[in-house]
Amino acid sequence: MNLIIRSVTMNDLDSVVSIESDTFEMSQEMTQKDMIGRIENYPDTFLVAEIDHQVVGHVFGPAFNKRYIEDEIYFKNHLNRKDDQYQTVLSLAVSPEFRKQGIATKLLDKLSKIAKKQNRTAVTLTCLPKLFSFYEKRGFVNEGKTSDDIPDPDNVSSFNMVKEL
């Protein structure tokens, strides 16, 4: 397996939309609009995993000036700002046939290295309890329920996870 982790390009749009919409059960039309804005606004912190010229996963998020993600950044794309201290992870997704091969970990590691080079102090994300173990094994700490808590369809709350750099 020849895995390459690289910055996203607009040529990756269809693959990213497919992976994102399948993973999070969203419409491709809505997802495509969101992805175009994200690719344009923070290509340096939008990474794809590629195997044999096929995009098989991605991670992305903008820099942010608050320790915890707020719902607004899911809906308003903005450029990465030099002085923002936190690197967010809005999405981490890998195609089902490529899961459990360390790809998600490599994507997170690369994003953390970029964040550190950009002088961010931590990487922050929100997740459901079923993902605590995955993120804790990668250095993230659960810092409690999100303040903008909108439970998922099964009425499960999201939690703030932070990894200091």
C-alpha atoms as a PDB file:
ATOM      1  CA  MET A   1       0.000   0.000   0.000  1.00  0.00           C
ATOM      2  CA  ASN A   2       1.572   3.261  -1.152  1.00  0.00           C
ATOM      3  CA  LEU A   3      -0.168   5.889   0.978  1.00  0.00           C
ATOM      4  CA  ILE A   4       0.315   9.588   0.229  1.00  0.00           C
ATOM      5  CA  ILE A   5      -1.041  12.321   2.511  1.00  0.00           C
ATOM      6  CA  ARG A   6      -1.236  15.638   0.677  1.00  0.00           C
ATOM      7  CA  SER A   7      -3.136  18.916   0.497  1.00  0.00           C
ATOM      8  CA  VAL A   8      -6.480  18.781  -1.244  1.00  0.00           C
ATOM      9  CA  THR A   9      -7.010  20.245  -4.716  1.00  0.00           C
ATOM     10  CA  MET A  10     -10.224  21.057  -6.536  1.00  0.00           C
ATOM     11  CA  ASN A  11      -9.564  17.921  -8.642  1.00  0.00           C
ATOM     12  CA  ASP A  12     -10.314  15.892  -5.489  1.00  0.00           C
ATOM     13  CA  LEU A  13     -13.791  17.381  -5.095  1.00  0.00           C
ATOM     14  CA  ASP A  14     -15.844  14.426  -6.371  1.00  0.00           C
ATOM     15  CA  SER A  15     -13.938  11.909  -4.235  1.00  0.00           C
ATOM     16  CA  VAL A  16     -14.121  14.051  -1.105  1.00  0.00           C
ATOM     17  CA  VAL A  17     -17.834  14.682  -1.584  1.00  0.00           C
ATOM     18  CA  SER A  18     -18.497  10.968  -2.025  1.00  0.00           C
ATOM     19  CA  ILE A  19     -16.543   9.952   1.087  1.00  0.00           C
ATOM     20  CA  GLU A  20     -18.019  12.739   3.241  1.00  0.00           C
ATOM     21  CA  SER A  21     -21.627  12.240   2.169  1.00  0.00           C
ATOM     22  CA  ASP A  22     -21.414   8.453   2.577  1.00  0.00           C
ATOM     23  CA  THR A  23     -19.730   8.664   5.988  1.00  0.00           C
ATOM     24  CA  PHE A  24     -22.093  11.235   7.467  1.00  0.00           C
ATOM     25  CA  GLU A  25     -25.217  10.302   5.488  1.00  0.00           C
ATOM     26  CA  MET A  26     -25.616  13.724   3.876  1.00  0.00           C
ATOM     27  CA  SER A  27     -26.804  14.641   0.402  1.00  0.00           C
ATOM     28  CA  GLN A  28     -24.036  14.949  -2.179  1.00  0.00           C
ATOM     29  CA  GLU A  29     -25.464  18.251  -3.428  1.00  0.00           C
ATOM     30  CA  MET A  30     -25.257  19.901  -0.006  1.00  0.00           C
ATOM     31  CA  THR A  31     -21.874  18.336   0.685  1.00  0.00           C
ATOM     32  CA  GLN A  32     -20.415  19.562  -2.609  1.00  0.00           C
ATOM     33  CA  LYS A  33     -21.281  23.185  -1.862  1.00  0.00           C
ATOM     34  CA  ASP A  34     -19.654  22.920   1.584  1.00  0.00           C
ATOM     35  CA  MET A  35     -16.530  21.219   0.214  1.00  0.00           C
ATOM     36  CA  ILE A  36     -15.930  23.846  -2.477  1.00  0.00           C
ATOM     37  CA  GLY A  37     -15.867  26.565   0.180  1.00  0.00           C
ATOM     38  CA  ARG A  38     -13.566  24.542   2.410  1.00  0.00           C
ATOM     39  CA  ILE A  39     -11.127  23.705  -0.362  1.00  0.00           C
ATOM     40  CA  GLU A  40     -10.989  27.390  -1.354  1.00  0.00           C
ATOM     41  CA  ASN A  41     -10.664  28.749   2.179  1.00  0.00           C
ATOM     42  CA  TYR A  42      -8.288  26.373   3.950  1.00  0.00           C
ATOM     43  CA  PRO A  43      -6.466  24.119   1.507  1.00  0.00           C
ATOM     44  CA  ASP A  44      -3.415  23.993   3.807  1.00  0.00           C
ATOM     45  CA  THR A  45      -5.453  22.277   6.540  1.00  0.00           C
ATOM     46  CA  PHE A  46      -7.605  20.116   4.260  1.00  0.00           C
ATOM     47  CA  LEU A  47      -5.677  16.917   3.631  1.00  0.00           C
ATOM     48  CA  VAL A  48      -6.465  13.843   1.580  1.00  0.00           C
ATOM     49  CA  ALA A  49      -5.126  10.306   1.801  1.00  0.00           C
ATOM     50  CA  GLU A  50      -4.392   8.784  -1.573  1.00  0.00           C
ATOM     51  CA  ILE A  51      -3.582   5.195  -2.519  1.00  0.00           C
ATOM     52  CA  ASP A  52      -2.672   4.390  -6.127  1.00  0.00           C
ATOM     53  CA  HIS A  53      -4.080   7.734  -7.344  1.00  0.00           C
ATOM     54  CA  GLN A  54      -7.387   7.161  -5.527  1.00  0.00           C
ATOM     55  CA  VAL A  55      -8.516   9.458  -2.695  1.00  0.00           C
ATOM     56  CA  VAL A  56      -9.528   7.151   0.156  1.00  0.00           C
ATOM     57  CA  GLY A  57      -9.892   9.576   3.065  1.00  0.00           C
ATOM     58  CA  HIS A  58      -9.612  13.131   4.288  1.00  0.00           C
ATOM     59  CA  VAL A  59      -9.356  15.414   7.299  1.00  0.00           C
ATOM     60  CA  PHE A  60     -10.111  19.120   7.387  1.00  0.00           C
ATOM     61  CA  GLY A  61     -10.824  22.120   9.533  1.00  0.00           C
ATOM     62  CA  PRO A  62      -9.922  25.782   9.803  1.00  0.00           C
ATOM     63  CA  ALA A  63      -7.838  27.442  12.450  1.00  0.00           C
ATOM     64  CA  PHE A  64     -10.048  28.947  15.159  1.00  0.00           C
ATOM     65  CA  ASN A  65      -9.622  31.420  18.004  1.00  0.00           C
ATOM     66  CA  LYS A  66     -11.488  29.375  20.622  1.00  0.00           C
ATOM     67  CA  ARG A  67     -10.569  26.133  22.341  1.00  0.00           C
ATOM     68  CA  TYR A  68     -13.855  24.465  21.443  1.00  0.00           C
ATOM     69  CA  ILE A  69     -15.609  24.257  18.106  1.00  0.00           C
ATOM     70  CA  GLU A  70     -18.786  26.288  17.788  1.00  0.00           C
ATOM     71  CA  ASP A  71     -21.527  25.393  15.329  1.00  0.00           C
ATOM     72  CA  GLU A  72     -20.918  28.586  13.318  1.00  0.00           C
ATOM     73  CA  ILE A  73     -17.691  27.261  11.795  1.00  0.00           C
ATOM     74  CA  TYR A  74     -19.509  24.335  10.214  1.00  0.00           C
ATOM     75  CA  PHE A  75     -21.612  26.817   8.257  1.00  0.00           C
ATOM     76  CA  LYS A  76     -19.285  29.783   7.663  1.00  0.00           C
ATOM     77  CA  ASN A  77     -16.013  29.026   5.924  1.00  0.00           C
ATOM     78  CA  HIS A  78     -13.154  31.412   6.579  1.00  0.00           C
ATOM     79  CA  LEU A  79      -9.481  31.585   5.728  1.00  0.00           C
ATOM     80  CA  ASN A  80      -6.995  30.230   8.229  1.00  0.00           C
ATOM     81  CA  ARG A  81      -5.878  33.143  10.355  1.00  0.00           C
ATOM     82  CA  LYS A  82      -2.282  33.369  11.490  1.00  0.00           C
ATOM     83  CA  ASP A  83      -3.093  34.311  15.091  1.00  0.00           C
ATOM     84  CA  ASP A  84      -5.716  31.631  15.776  1.00  0.00           C
ATOM     85  CA  GLN A  85      -4.382  29.242  18.420  1.00  0.00           C
ATOM     86  CA  TYR A  86      -6.441  26.162  17.667  1.00  0.00           C
ATOM     87  CA  GLN A  87      -6.599  23.800  14.728  1.00  0.00           C
ATOM     88  CA  THR A  88     -10.071  22.335  14.355  1.00  0.00           C
ATOM     89  CA  VAL A  89     -11.056  18.988  12.907  1.00  0.00           C
ATOM     90  CA  LEU A  90     -14.490  19.342  11.353  1.00  0.00           C
ATOM     91  CA  SER A  91     -14.291  16.002   9.588  1.00  0.00           C
ATOM     92  CA  LEU A  92     -12.160  12.881   9.524  1.00  0.00           C
ATOM     93  CA  ALA A  93     -13.445  10.265   7.092  1.00  0.00           C
ATOM     94  CA  VAL A  94     -12.045   7.181   5.372  1.00  0.00           C
ATOM     95  CA  SER A  95     -13.746   5.029   2.739  1.00  0.00           C
ATOM     96  CA  PRO A  96     -15.150   1.856   4.350  1.00  0.00           C
ATOM     97  CA  GLU A  97     -12.899  -0.509   2.380  1.00  0.00           C
ATOM     98  CA  PHE A  98      -9.792   1.316   3.654  1.00  0.00           C
ATOM     99  CA  ARG A  99     -10.694   1.617   7.347  1.00  0.00           C
ATOM    100  CA  LYS A 100      -8.700  -0.052  10.131  1.00  0.00           C
ATOM    101  CA  GLN A 101      -5.442   0.395   8.214  1.00  0.00           C
ATOM    102  CA  GLY A 102      -4.078   3.417  10.107  1.00  0.00           C
ATOM    103  CA  ILE A 103      -5.093   5.969   7.486  1.00  0.00           C
ATOM    104  CA  ALA A 104      -7.167   8.109   9.868  1.00  0.00           C
ATOM    105  CA  THR A 105      -4.276   8.182  12.337  1.00  0.00           C
ATOM    106  CA  LYS A 106      -1.843   9.273   9.630  1.00  0.00           C
ATOM    107  CA  LEU A 107      -4.215  12.030   8.527  1.00  0.00           C
ATOM    108  CA  LEU A 108      -4.508  13.313  12.115  1.00  0.00           C
ATOM    109  CA  ASP A 109      -0.739  13.113  12.623  1.00  0.00           C
ATOM    110  CA  LYS A 110      -0.034  15.125   9.476  1.00  0.00           C
ATOM    111  CA  LEU A 111      -2.644  17.752  10.388  1.00  0.00           C
ATOM    112  CA  SER A 112      -1.107  18.022  13.876  1.00  0.00           C
ATOM    113  CA  LYS A 113       2.357  18.595  12.357  1.00  0.00           C
ATOM    114  CA  ILE A 114       1.000  21.336  10.110  1.00  0.00           C
ATOM    115  CA  ALA A 115      -0.790  22.937  13.070  1.00  0.00           C
ATOM    116  CA  LYS A 116       2.394  22.893  15.119  1.00  0.00           C
ATOM    117  CA  LYS A 117       4.345  24.539  12.259  1.00  0.00           C
ATOM    118  CA  GLN A 118       1.624  27.205  12.120  1.00  0.00           C
ATOM    119  CA  ASN A 119       2.133  27.854  15.852  1.00  0.00           C
ATOM    120  CA  ARG A 120      -1.215  26.458  16.967  1.00  0.00           C
ATOM    121  CA  THR A 121      -1.344  25.319  20.592  1.00  0.00           C
ATOM    122  CA  ALA A 122      -3.807  22.448  20.214  1.00  0.00           C
ATOM    123  CA  VAL A 123      -6.017  20.451  17.865  1.00  0.00           C
ATOM    124  CA  THR A 124      -9.705  20.496  18.808  1.00  0.00           C
ATOM    125  CA  LEU A 125     -12.729  18.512  17.659  1.00  0.00           C
ATOM    126  CA  THR A 126     -16.119  17.292  18.760  1.00  0.00           C
ATOM    127  CA  CYS A 127     -17.182  13.661  18.710  1.00  0.00           C
ATOM    128  CA  LEU A 128     -19.715  11.183  19.980  1.00  0.00           C
ATOM    129  CA  PRO A 129     -18.911   8.867  22.928  1.00  0.00           C
ATOM    130  CA  LYS A 130     -18.463   5.877  20.605  1.00  0.00           C
ATOM    131  CA  LEU A 131     -15.295   7.575  19.261  1.00  0.00           C
ATOM    132  CA  PHE A 132     -13.659   8.454  22.615  1.00  0.00           C
ATOM    133  CA  SER A 133     -11.311   5.464  22.576  1.00  0.00           C
ATOM    134  CA  PHE A 134     -10.104   6.182  19.035  1.00  0.00           C
ATOM    135  CA  TYR A 135      -9.211   9.788  19.813  1.00  0.00           C
ATOM    136  CA  GLU A 136      -7.833   9.129  23.308  1.00  0.00           C
ATOM    137  CA  LYS A 137      -5.367   6.596  21.830  1.00  0.00           C
ATOM    138  CA  ARG A 138      -4.146   9.436  19.598  1.00  0.00           C
ATOM    139  CA  GLY A 139      -3.521  11.888  22.442  1.00  0.00           C
ATOM    140  CA  PHE A 140      -6.866  13.685  22.664  1.00  0.00           C
ATOM    141  CA  VAL A 141      -8.462  14.411  26.047  1.00  0.00           C
ATOM    142  CA  ASN A 142     -12.211  14.552  26.662  1.00  0.00           C
ATOM    143  CA  GLU A 143     -13.010  17.995  28.083  1.00  0.00           C
ATOM    144  CA  GLY A 144     -16.761  17.549  28.422  1.00  0.00           C
ATOM    145  CA  LYS A 145     -20.027  18.010  26.584  1.00  0.00           C
ATOM    146  CA  THR A 146     -20.167  20.680  23.890  1.00  0.00           C
ATOM    147  CA  SER A 147     -21.953  23.925  24.761  1.00  0.00           C
ATOM    148  CA  ASP A 148     -23.642  24.038  21.326  1.00  0.00           C
ATOM    149  CA  ASP A 149     -24.977  20.572  22.020  1.00  0.00           C
ATOM    150  CA  ILE A 150     -27.313  19.337  19.332  1.00  0.00           C
ATOM    151  CA  PRO A 151     -27.747  15.611  19.971  1.00  0.00           C
ATOM    152  CA  ASP A 152     -27.451  13.268  17.007  1.00  0.00           C
ATOM    153  CA  PRO A 153     -30.561  11.462  15.681  1.00  0.00           C
ATOM    154  CA  ASP A 154     -30.234   8.876  18.471  1.00  0.00           C
ATOM    155  CA  ASN A 155     -30.232  11.697  21.083  1.00  0.00           C
ATOM    156  CA  VAL A 156     -26.526  11.243  21.911  1.00  0.00           C
ATOM    157  CA  SER A 157     -24.566  14.375  22.820  1.00  0.00           C
ATOM    158  CA  SER A 158     -21.215  15.454  21.350  1.00  0.00           C
ATOM    159  CA  PHE A 159     -18.126  16.087  23.456  1.00  0.00           C
ATOM    160  CA  ASN A 160     -15.060  18.349  23.130  1.00  0.00           C
ATOM    161  CA  MET A 161     -11.780  16.519  22.576  1.00  0.00           C
ATOM    162  CA  VAL A 162      -8.471  18.430  22.608  1.00  0.00           C
ATOM    163  CA  LYS A 163      -4.892  17.407  21.868  1.00  0.00           C
ATOM    164  CA  GLU A 164      -2.186  19.773  23.095  1.00  0.00           C
ATOM    165  CA  LEU A 165       0.685  20.306  20.669  1.00  0.00           C
END
